[in-house]
Amino acid sequence: MKKKYQSIIDILFHVLLFAGFILLWQMLCMLKILPEYMLPSPLKVLQAFINDFTLLASHAKVTIYETFAGLIIGTALGFILAVSMDCFGWVYKCLYPLLIVSQTIPTVALAPLLVLWLGYGVTPKITLIVLIVFFPIAACLIDGFKSADKDEIRLLETMGAGKFQIFYHIKLPGSIGNFFSGLRISVAYAVVGAVISEWLGGYKGLGVYMTRVKKSYSYDKMFAVIFLISLLSLLLIKLVDLANKAAMPWRKEEIK
């Protein structure tokens, strides 16, 4: 019961903190301390969001489709890669250093190349999200597989268990937490990756909408789409947390 009340108090604290921030922002705009061309007031941002809601929703559908497609493909690719590196030592030695090096390449540098090679459709956007997503999944999973309890593995080996049985009964269940940690990181960047790729070429999506309103100096609409992107990212993270709780019910108190 005490934990329940503490959770409610924490939520109220964060809500009040956010409300205080918005109120301060509004006051600074009303007192002309912050000029509107630099930072529009929260009321103007809200009005822009409401006025352009239909247009934002149509663009958001494309971005959400790209995000989910990239997440599914990237997660599957990351899982297959992690399993391959765990099963075959030579795959780990060959690919893991390349995976590390691949993460030093800026996303913004890759996006225009993908648009050049794959066109202006959804394919380059999904490809970029896959490249963003698969590394955290693969890295977290391989760490989970490598940190499996050696005593449990030896026990199963003495009982005549094969590699697949050891993987299925020990390594895979033990790495569920690592998987969701990687997935949480991935979804946090997936929407941003989709928007970045849409900036550099496309017909629809929140990134395309952003470039259009930026060129017309509609900064209230810019902030409206920024808040929408943040909201989508937070909702995806919450979905991952709910899936984590469902997959690991014994850790519900630890997972916020």
C-alpha atoms as a PDB file:
ATOM      1  CA  MET A   1       0.000   0.000   0.000  1.00  0.00           C
ATOM      2  CA  LYS A   2       2.851   2.339   0.893  1.00  0.00           C
ATOM      3  CA  LYS A   3       4.454   1.711  -2.526  1.00  0.00           C
ATOM      4  CA  LYS A   4       1.147   2.478  -4.243  1.00  0.00           C
ATOM      5  CA  TYR A   5       0.882   5.863  -2.512  1.00  0.00           C
ATOM      6  CA  GLN A   6       4.543   6.591  -3.274  1.00  0.00           C
ATOM      7  CA  SER A   7       3.880   5.870  -6.959  1.00  0.00           C
ATOM      8  CA  ILE A   8       0.885   8.263  -6.974  1.00  0.00           C
ATOM      9  CA  ILE A   9       2.979  10.954  -5.242  1.00  0.00           C
ATOM     10  CA  ASP A  10       5.752  10.503  -7.851  1.00  0.00           C
ATOM     11  CA  ILE A  11       3.258  10.878 -10.720  1.00  0.00           C
ATOM     12  CA  LEU A  12       1.709  14.005  -9.146  1.00  0.00           C
ATOM     13  CA  PHE A  13       5.179  15.489  -8.611  1.00  0.00           C
ATOM     14  CA  HIS A  14       6.124  14.999 -12.276  1.00  0.00           C
ATOM     15  CA  VAL A  15       2.764  16.379 -13.463  1.00  0.00           C
ATOM     16  CA  LEU A  16       3.158  19.487 -11.262  1.00  0.00           C
ATOM     17  CA  LEU A  17       6.756  19.920 -12.415  1.00  0.00           C
ATOM     18  CA  PHE A  18       5.696  19.778 -16.067  1.00  0.00           C
ATOM     19  CA  ALA A  19       2.752  22.137 -15.425  1.00  0.00           C
ATOM     20  CA  GLY A  20       5.100  24.570 -13.666  1.00  0.00           C
ATOM     21  CA  PHE A  21       7.466  24.514 -16.638  1.00  0.00           C
ATOM     22  CA  ILE A  22       4.616  25.219 -19.089  1.00  0.00           C
ATOM     23  CA  LEU A  23       3.286  28.020 -16.861  1.00  0.00           C
ATOM     24  CA  LEU A  24       6.726  29.647 -16.627  1.00  0.00           C
ATOM     25  CA  TRP A  25       7.114  29.380 -20.416  1.00  0.00           C
ATOM     26  CA  GLN A  26       3.702  31.020 -20.939  1.00  0.00           C
ATOM     27  CA  MET A  27       4.493  33.824 -18.496  1.00  0.00           C
ATOM     28  CA  LEU A  28       7.836  34.579 -20.202  1.00  0.00           C
ATOM     29  CA  CYS A  29       6.032  34.838 -23.557  1.00  0.00           C
ATOM     30  CA  MET A  30       3.200  36.996 -22.157  1.00  0.00           C
ATOM     31  CA  LEU A  31       5.691  39.411 -20.569  1.00  0.00           C
ATOM     32  CA  LYS A  32       7.558  39.628 -23.930  1.00  0.00           C
ATOM     33  CA  ILE A  33      10.774  38.406 -22.318  1.00  0.00           C
ATOM     34  CA  LEU A  34      10.925  35.765 -25.041  1.00  0.00           C
ATOM     35  CA  PRO A  35       9.954  37.094 -28.503  1.00  0.00           C
ATOM     36  CA  GLU A  36       7.377  34.999 -30.373  1.00  0.00           C
ATOM     37  CA  TYR A  37       9.567  34.575 -33.445  1.00  0.00           C
ATOM     38  CA  MET A  38      12.104  32.784 -31.233  1.00  0.00           C
ATOM     39  CA  LEU A  39       9.802  30.821 -28.949  1.00  0.00           C
ATOM     40  CA  PRO A  40       6.016  30.759 -29.435  1.00  0.00           C
ATOM     41  CA  SER A  41       3.873  30.465 -26.324  1.00  0.00           C
ATOM     42  CA  PRO A  42       2.407  27.090 -25.240  1.00  0.00           C
ATOM     43  CA  LEU A  43      -1.098  28.363 -26.062  1.00  0.00           C
ATOM     44  CA  LYS A  44      -0.038  29.187 -29.635  1.00  0.00           C
ATOM     45  CA  VAL A  45       1.622  25.756 -29.947  1.00  0.00           C
ATOM     46  CA  LEU A  46      -1.561  24.076 -28.671  1.00  0.00           C
ATOM     47  CA  GLN A  47      -3.676  26.117 -31.082  1.00  0.00           C
ATOM     48  CA  ALA A  48      -1.390  25.146 -33.985  1.00  0.00           C
ATOM     49  CA  PHE A  49      -1.648  21.484 -32.942  1.00  0.00           C
ATOM     50  CA  ILE A  50      -5.458  21.620 -32.875  1.00  0.00           C
ATOM     51  CA  ASN A  51      -5.741  23.535 -36.170  1.00  0.00           C
ATOM     52  CA  ASP A  52      -3.358  21.185 -37.989  1.00  0.00           C
ATOM     53  CA  PHE A  53      -4.409  17.989 -36.201  1.00  0.00           C
ATOM     54  CA  THR A  54      -5.850  16.295 -39.307  1.00  0.00           C
ATOM     55  CA  LEU A  55      -2.727  17.044 -41.343  1.00  0.00           C
ATOM     56  CA  LEU A  56      -0.451  15.987 -38.474  1.00  0.00           C
ATOM     57  CA  ALA A  57      -2.380  12.726 -38.059  1.00  0.00           C
ATOM     58  CA  SER A  58      -2.015  11.866 -41.768  1.00  0.00           C
ATOM     59  CA  HIS A  59       1.753  12.512 -41.616  1.00  0.00           C
ATOM     60  CA  ALA A  60       2.048  10.663 -38.287  1.00  0.00           C
ATOM     61  CA  LYS A  61       0.501   7.516 -39.835  1.00  0.00           C
ATOM     62  CA  VAL A  62       3.389   7.301 -42.312  1.00  0.00           C
ATOM     63  CA  THR A  63       6.021   7.871 -39.620  1.00  0.00           C
ATOM     64  CA  ILE A  64       4.418   5.280 -37.314  1.00  0.00           C
ATOM     65  CA  TYR A  65       4.275   2.731 -40.158  1.00  0.00           C
ATOM     66  CA  GLU A  66       7.974   3.298 -40.937  1.00  0.00           C
ATOM     67  CA  THR A  67       8.859   3.084 -37.243  1.00  0.00           C
ATOM     68  CA  PHE A  68       7.038  -0.195 -36.610  1.00  0.00           C
ATOM     69  CA  ALA A  69       8.312  -1.775 -39.834  1.00  0.00           C
ATOM     70  CA  GLY A  70      11.887  -0.783 -38.980  1.00  0.00           C
ATOM     71  CA  LEU A  71      11.504  -1.963 -35.373  1.00  0.00           C
ATOM     72  CA  ILE A  72      10.175  -5.390 -36.378  1.00  0.00           C
ATOM     73  CA  ILE A  73      12.835  -5.996 -39.037  1.00  0.00           C
ATOM     74  CA  GLY A  74      15.650  -4.520 -36.906  1.00  0.00           C
ATOM     75  CA  THR A  75      14.641  -6.542 -33.827  1.00  0.00           C
ATOM     76  CA  ALA A  76      14.489  -9.781 -35.851  1.00  0.00           C
ATOM     77  CA  LEU A  77      17.856  -9.026 -37.468  1.00  0.00           C
ATOM     78  CA  GLY A  78      19.430  -8.152 -34.104  1.00  0.00           C
ATOM     79  CA  PHE A  79      18.111 -11.369 -32.531  1.00  0.00           C
ATOM     80  CA  ILE A  80      19.393 -13.557 -35.393  1.00  0.00           C
ATOM     81  CA  LEU A  81      22.761 -11.812 -35.292  1.00  0.00           C
ATOM     82  CA  ALA A  82      23.091 -12.221 -31.502  1.00  0.00           C
ATOM     83  CA  VAL A  83      22.176 -15.925 -31.664  1.00  0.00           C
ATOM     84  CA  SER A  84      24.679 -16.456 -34.507  1.00  0.00           C
ATOM     85  CA  MET A  85      27.451 -14.712 -32.566  1.00  0.00           C
ATOM     86  CA  ASP A  86      26.682 -16.797 -29.479  1.00  0.00           C
ATOM     87  CA  CYS A  87      26.587 -20.111 -31.358  1.00  0.00           C
ATOM     88  CA  PHE A  88      29.628 -19.540 -33.559  1.00  0.00           C
ATOM     89  CA  GLY A  89      32.761 -17.993 -32.099  1.00  0.00           C
ATOM     90  CA  TRP A  90      34.158 -17.044 -35.508  1.00  0.00           C
ATOM     91  CA  VAL A  91      30.993 -15.052 -36.302  1.00  0.00           C
ATOM     92  CA  TYR A  92      31.447 -13.110 -33.042  1.00  0.00           C
ATOM     93  CA  LYS A  93      35.127 -12.410 -33.778  1.00  0.00           C
ATOM     94  CA  CYS A  94      34.398 -11.282 -37.329  1.00  0.00           C
ATOM     95  CA  LEU A  95      31.204  -9.268 -36.868  1.00  0.00           C
ATOM     96  CA  TYR A  96      31.275  -7.730 -33.391  1.00  0.00           C
ATOM     97  CA  PRO A  97      34.150  -5.294 -34.153  1.00  0.00           C
ATOM     98  CA  LEU A  98      32.381  -4.304 -37.390  1.00  0.00           C
ATOM     99  CA  LEU A  99      29.163  -3.662 -35.452  1.00  0.00           C
ATOM    100  CA  ILE A 100      31.032  -1.353 -33.076  1.00  0.00           C
ATOM    101  CA  VAL A 101      32.637   0.530 -35.977  1.00  0.00           C
ATOM    102  CA  SER A 102      29.251   0.853 -37.739  1.00  0.00           C
ATOM    103  CA  GLN A 103      27.901   2.819 -34.770  1.00  0.00           C
ATOM    104  CA  THR A 104      30.556   5.517 -35.219  1.00  0.00           C
ATOM    105  CA  ILE A 105      28.963   6.553 -38.543  1.00  0.00           C
ATOM    106  CA  PRO A 106      26.534   9.483 -37.930  1.00  0.00           C
ATOM    107  CA  THR A 107      22.899   8.769 -38.796  1.00  0.00           C
ATOM    108  CA  VAL A 108      22.620  12.143 -40.534  1.00  0.00           C
ATOM    109  CA  ALA A 109      25.465  11.119 -42.875  1.00  0.00           C
ATOM    110  CA  LEU A 110      23.781   7.814 -43.780  1.00  0.00           C
ATOM    111  CA  ALA A 111      20.303   9.200 -44.438  1.00  0.00           C
ATOM    112  CA  PRO A 112      21.072  11.151 -47.655  1.00  0.00           C
ATOM    113  CA  LEU A 113      23.021   8.200 -49.059  1.00  0.00           C
ATOM    114  CA  LEU A 114      20.085   5.861 -48.448  1.00  0.00           C
ATOM    115  CA  VAL A 115      17.743   8.324 -50.162  1.00  0.00           C
ATOM    116  CA  LEU A 116      20.178   8.504 -53.111  1.00  0.00           C
ATOM    117  CA  TRP A 117      20.404   4.688 -53.387  1.00  0.00           C
ATOM    118  CA  LEU A 118      16.820   3.686 -52.541  1.00  0.00           C
ATOM    119  CA  GLY A 119      14.718   6.646 -53.672  1.00  0.00           C
ATOM    120  CA  TYR A 120      12.198   8.860 -51.882  1.00  0.00           C
ATOM    121  CA  GLY A 121       9.736   6.174 -50.749  1.00  0.00           C
ATOM    122  CA  VAL A 122       9.506   4.433 -47.384  1.00  0.00           C
ATOM    123  CA  THR A 123      12.330   1.963 -48.134  1.00  0.00           C
ATOM    124  CA  PRO A 124      15.268   4.245 -47.148  1.00  0.00           C
ATOM    125  CA  LYS A 125      13.400   5.334 -44.007  1.00  0.00           C
ATOM    126  CA  ILE A 126      12.781   1.755 -42.876  1.00  0.00           C
ATOM    127  CA  THR A 127      16.371   0.825 -43.741  1.00  0.00           C
ATOM    128  CA  LEU A 128      17.741   3.648 -41.571  1.00  0.00           C
ATOM    129  CA  ILE A 129      15.516   2.607 -38.639  1.00  0.00           C
ATOM    130  CA  VAL A 130      16.703  -1.005 -39.038  1.00  0.00           C
ATOM    131  CA  LEU A 131      20.322   0.211 -38.871  1.00  0.00           C
ATOM    132  CA  ILE A 132      19.516   2.195 -35.715  1.00  0.00           C
ATOM    133  CA  VAL A 133      17.513  -0.588 -34.029  1.00  0.00           C
ATOM    134  CA  PHE A 134      19.465  -3.778 -34.645  1.00  0.00           C
ATOM    135  CA  PHE A 135      22.681  -2.806 -32.813  1.00  0.00           C
ATOM    136  CA  PRO A 136      21.187  -2.193 -29.310  1.00  0.00           C
ATOM    137  CA  ILE A 137      19.180  -5.430 -29.636  1.00  0.00           C
ATOM    138  CA  ALA A 138      22.179  -7.491 -30.783  1.00  0.00           C
ATOM    139  CA  ALA A 139      24.591  -5.941 -28.257  1.00  0.00           C
ATOM    140  CA  CYS A 140      22.268  -6.349 -25.266  1.00  0.00           C
ATOM    141  CA  LEU A 141      21.292  -9.906 -26.230  1.00  0.00           C
ATOM    142  CA  ILE A 142      24.865 -11.091 -26.769  1.00  0.00           C
ATOM    143  CA  ASP A 143      25.764  -9.661 -23.347  1.00  0.00           C
ATOM    144  CA  GLY A 144      22.835 -11.577 -21.876  1.00  0.00           C
ATOM    145  CA  PHE A 145      23.883 -14.810 -23.566  1.00  0.00           C
ATOM    146  CA  LYS A 146      27.508 -14.390 -22.447  1.00  0.00           C
ATOM    147  CA  SER A 147      26.514 -13.703 -18.830  1.00  0.00           C
ATOM    148  CA  ALA A 148      24.485 -16.929 -18.478  1.00  0.00           C
ATOM    149  CA  ASP A 149      25.218 -18.824 -15.232  1.00  0.00           C
ATOM    150  CA  LYS A 150      28.177 -21.155 -15.890  1.00  0.00           C
ATOM    151  CA  ASP A 151      27.167 -23.541 -13.101  1.00  0.00           C
ATOM    152  CA  GLU A 152      23.700 -23.997 -14.604  1.00  0.00           C
ATOM    153  CA  ILE A 153      25.241 -24.649 -18.020  1.00  0.00           C
ATOM    154  CA  ARG A 154      27.646 -27.237 -16.566  1.00  0.00           C
ATOM    155  CA  LEU A 155      24.748 -28.918 -14.738  1.00  0.00           C
ATOM    156  CA  LEU A 156      22.770 -29.303 -17.949  1.00  0.00           C
ATOM    157  CA  GLU A 157      25.868 -30.542 -19.771  1.00  0.00           C
ATOM    158  CA  THR A 158      26.387 -33.283 -17.157  1.00  0.00           C
ATOM    159  CA  MET A 159      22.751 -34.280 -17.724  1.00  0.00           C
ATOM    160  CA  GLY A 160      23.479 -34.700 -21.440  1.00  0.00           C
ATOM    161  CA  ALA A 161      21.854 -31.499 -22.706  1.00  0.00           C
ATOM    162  CA  GLY A 162      22.856 -30.251 -26.144  1.00  0.00           C
ATOM    163  CA  LYS A 163      23.655 -26.688 -27.227  1.00  0.00           C
ATOM    164  CA  PHE A 164      20.075 -25.984 -28.278  1.00  0.00           C
ATOM    165  CA  GLN A 165      18.663 -27.185 -24.937  1.00  0.00           C
ATOM    166  CA  ILE A 166      21.177 -25.080 -22.998  1.00  0.00           C
ATOM    167  CA  PHE A 167      20.300 -22.063 -25.139  1.00  0.00           C
ATOM    168  CA  TYR A 168      16.536 -22.612 -24.813  1.00  0.00           C
ATOM    169  CA  HIS A 169      16.432 -23.373 -21.077  1.00  0.00           C
ATOM    170  CA  ILE A 170      19.186 -21.117 -19.697  1.00  0.00           C
ATOM    171  CA  LYS A 171      20.541 -18.494 -22.085  1.00  0.00           C
ATOM    172  CA  LEU A 172      17.285 -17.363 -23.692  1.00  0.00           C
ATOM    173  CA  PRO A 173      15.216 -16.944 -20.477  1.00  0.00           C
ATOM    174  CA  GLY A 174      18.186 -15.303 -18.751  1.00  0.00           C
ATOM    175  CA  SER A 175      18.552 -12.689 -21.488  1.00  0.00           C
ATOM    176  CA  ILE A 176      14.920 -11.479 -21.566  1.00  0.00           C
ATOM    177  CA  GLY A 177      15.811  -8.484 -19.380  1.00  0.00           C
ATOM    178  CA  ASN A 178      18.711  -7.609 -21.682  1.00  0.00           C
ATOM    179  CA  PHE A 179      16.425  -7.881 -24.704  1.00  0.00           C
ATOM    180  CA  PHE A 180      13.918  -5.396 -23.287  1.00  0.00           C
ATOM    181  CA  SER A 181      16.738  -3.036 -22.254  1.00  0.00           C
ATOM    182  CA  GLY A 182      17.939  -3.021 -25.871  1.00  0.00           C
ATOM    183  CA  LEU A 183      14.388  -2.648 -27.185  1.00  0.00           C
ATOM    184  CA  ARG A 184      13.777   0.314 -24.892  1.00  0.00           C
ATOM    185  CA  ILE A 185      16.847   2.060 -26.319  1.00  0.00           C
ATOM    186  CA  SER A 186      15.801   1.161 -29.864  1.00  0.00           C
ATOM    187  CA  VAL A 187      12.254   2.552 -29.662  1.00  0.00           C
ATOM    188  CA  ALA A 188      13.586   5.769 -28.131  1.00  0.00           C
ATOM    189  CA  TYR A 189      15.604   6.400 -31.304  1.00  0.00           C
ATOM    190  CA  ALA A 190      13.363   4.751 -33.908  1.00  0.00           C
ATOM    191  CA  VAL A 191      10.890   7.632 -34.293  1.00  0.00           C
ATOM    192  CA  VAL A 192      13.752  10.152 -34.369  1.00  0.00           C
ATOM    193  CA  GLY A 193      15.483   8.054 -37.054  1.00  0.00           C
ATOM    194  CA  ALA A 194      12.320   8.048 -39.168  1.00  0.00           C
ATOM    195  CA  VAL A 195      11.961  11.829 -38.860  1.00  0.00           C
ATOM    196  CA  ILE A 196      15.627  12.447 -39.756  1.00  0.00           C
ATOM    197  CA  SER A 197      15.329  10.321 -42.901  1.00  0.00           C
ATOM    198  CA  GLU A 198      12.108  12.160 -43.855  1.00  0.00           C
ATOM    199  CA  TRP A 199      13.911  15.511 -43.565  1.00  0.00           C
ATOM    200  CA  LEU A 200      16.218  14.573 -46.397  1.00  0.00           C
ATOM    201  CA  GLY A 201      13.659  13.288 -48.872  1.00  0.00           C
ATOM    202  CA  GLY A 202      10.107  12.046 -48.907  1.00  0.00           C
ATOM    203  CA  TYR A 203       6.525  12.799 -49.755  1.00  0.00           C
ATOM    204  CA  LYS A 204       4.843  12.298 -46.367  1.00  0.00           C
ATOM    205  CA  GLY A 205       5.724  11.950 -42.713  1.00  0.00           C
ATOM    206  CA  LEU A 206       6.343  14.158 -39.694  1.00  0.00           C
ATOM    207  CA  GLY A 207       9.850  14.972 -40.942  1.00  0.00           C
ATOM    208  CA  VAL A 208       8.431  16.221 -44.258  1.00  0.00           C
ATOM    209  CA  TYR A 209       5.857  18.286 -42.351  1.00  0.00           C
ATOM    210  CA  MET A 210       8.659  19.793 -40.225  1.00  0.00           C
ATOM    211  CA  THR A 211      10.684  20.894 -43.247  1.00  0.00           C
ATOM    212  CA  ARG A 212       7.616  22.508 -44.809  1.00  0.00           C
ATOM    213  CA  VAL A 213       6.590  24.520 -41.736  1.00  0.00           C
ATOM    214  CA  LYS A 214      10.238  25.510 -41.104  1.00  0.00           C
ATOM    215  CA  LYS A 215      10.464  27.038 -44.586  1.00  0.00           C
ATOM    216  CA  SER A 216       7.317  29.072 -43.866  1.00  0.00           C
ATOM    217  CA  TYR A 217       8.727  30.167 -40.468  1.00  0.00           C
ATOM    218  CA  SER A 218       5.716  28.667 -38.648  1.00  0.00           C
ATOM    219  CA  TYR A 219       7.554  27.963 -35.412  1.00  0.00           C
ATOM    220  CA  ASP A 220       4.352  27.297 -33.480  1.00  0.00           C
ATOM    221  CA  LYS A 221       3.716  24.363 -35.854  1.00  0.00           C
ATOM    222  CA  MET A 222       7.345  23.289 -35.489  1.00  0.00           C
ATOM    223  CA  PHE A 223       6.942  23.013 -31.726  1.00  0.00           C
ATOM    224  CA  ALA A 224       3.607  21.213 -32.164  1.00  0.00           C
ATOM    225  CA  VAL A 225       5.224  18.478 -34.272  1.00  0.00           C
ATOM    226  CA  ILE A 226       8.212  18.270 -31.891  1.00  0.00           C
ATOM    227  CA  PHE A 227       5.867  17.576 -28.981  1.00  0.00           C
ATOM    228  CA  LEU A 228       3.994  15.004 -31.084  1.00  0.00           C
ATOM    229  CA  ILE A 229       7.258  13.181 -31.894  1.00  0.00           C
ATOM    230  CA  SER A 230       8.183  13.171 -28.200  1.00  0.00           C
ATOM    231  CA  LEU A 231       4.735  11.840 -27.302  1.00  0.00           C
ATOM    232  CA  LEU A 232       5.006   9.022 -29.860  1.00  0.00           C
ATOM    233  CA  SER A 233       8.446   8.050 -28.504  1.00  0.00           C
ATOM    234  CA  LEU A 234       7.150   8.029 -24.910  1.00  0.00           C
ATOM    235  CA  LEU A 235       4.146   5.898 -25.885  1.00  0.00           C
ATOM    236  CA  LEU A 236       6.423   3.359 -27.587  1.00  0.00           C
ATOM    237  CA  ILE A 237       8.656   3.209 -24.507  1.00  0.00           C
ATOM    238  CA  LYS A 238       5.571   2.652 -22.340  1.00  0.00           C
ATOM    239  CA  LEU A 239       4.453  -0.189 -24.625  1.00  0.00           C
ATOM    240  CA  VAL A 240       7.879  -1.809 -24.220  1.00  0.00           C
ATOM    241  CA  ASP A 241       7.585  -1.462 -20.417  1.00  0.00           C
ATOM    242  CA  LEU A 242       4.150  -3.115 -20.466  1.00  0.00           C
ATOM    243  CA  ALA A 243       5.484  -5.955 -22.636  1.00  0.00           C
ATOM    244  CA  ASN A 244       8.430  -6.297 -20.233  1.00  0.00           C
ATOM    245  CA  LYS A 245       6.071  -6.605 -17.275  1.00  0.00           C
ATOM    246  CA  ALA A 246       4.007  -9.220 -19.121  1.00  0.00           C
ATOM    247  CA  ALA A 247       7.118 -11.220 -20.051  1.00  0.00           C
ATOM    248  CA  MET A 248       8.731 -10.900 -16.604  1.00  0.00           C
ATOM    249  CA  PRO A 249       5.880 -10.637 -14.046  1.00  0.00           C
ATOM    250  CA  TRP A 250       8.252 -11.416 -11.172  1.00  0.00           C
ATOM    251  CA  ARG A 251      10.020  -8.087 -11.812  1.00  0.00           C
ATOM    252  CA  LYS A 252       6.941  -5.841 -11.878  1.00  0.00           C
ATOM    253  CA  GLU A 253       8.098  -3.854  -8.859  1.00  0.00           C
ATOM    254  CA  GLU A 254      11.488  -3.138 -10.478  1.00  0.00           C
ATOM    255  CA  ILE A 255      10.088  -2.060 -13.869  1.00  0.00           C
ATOM    256  CA  LYS A 256       8.647   1.441 -13.708  1.00  0.00           C
END
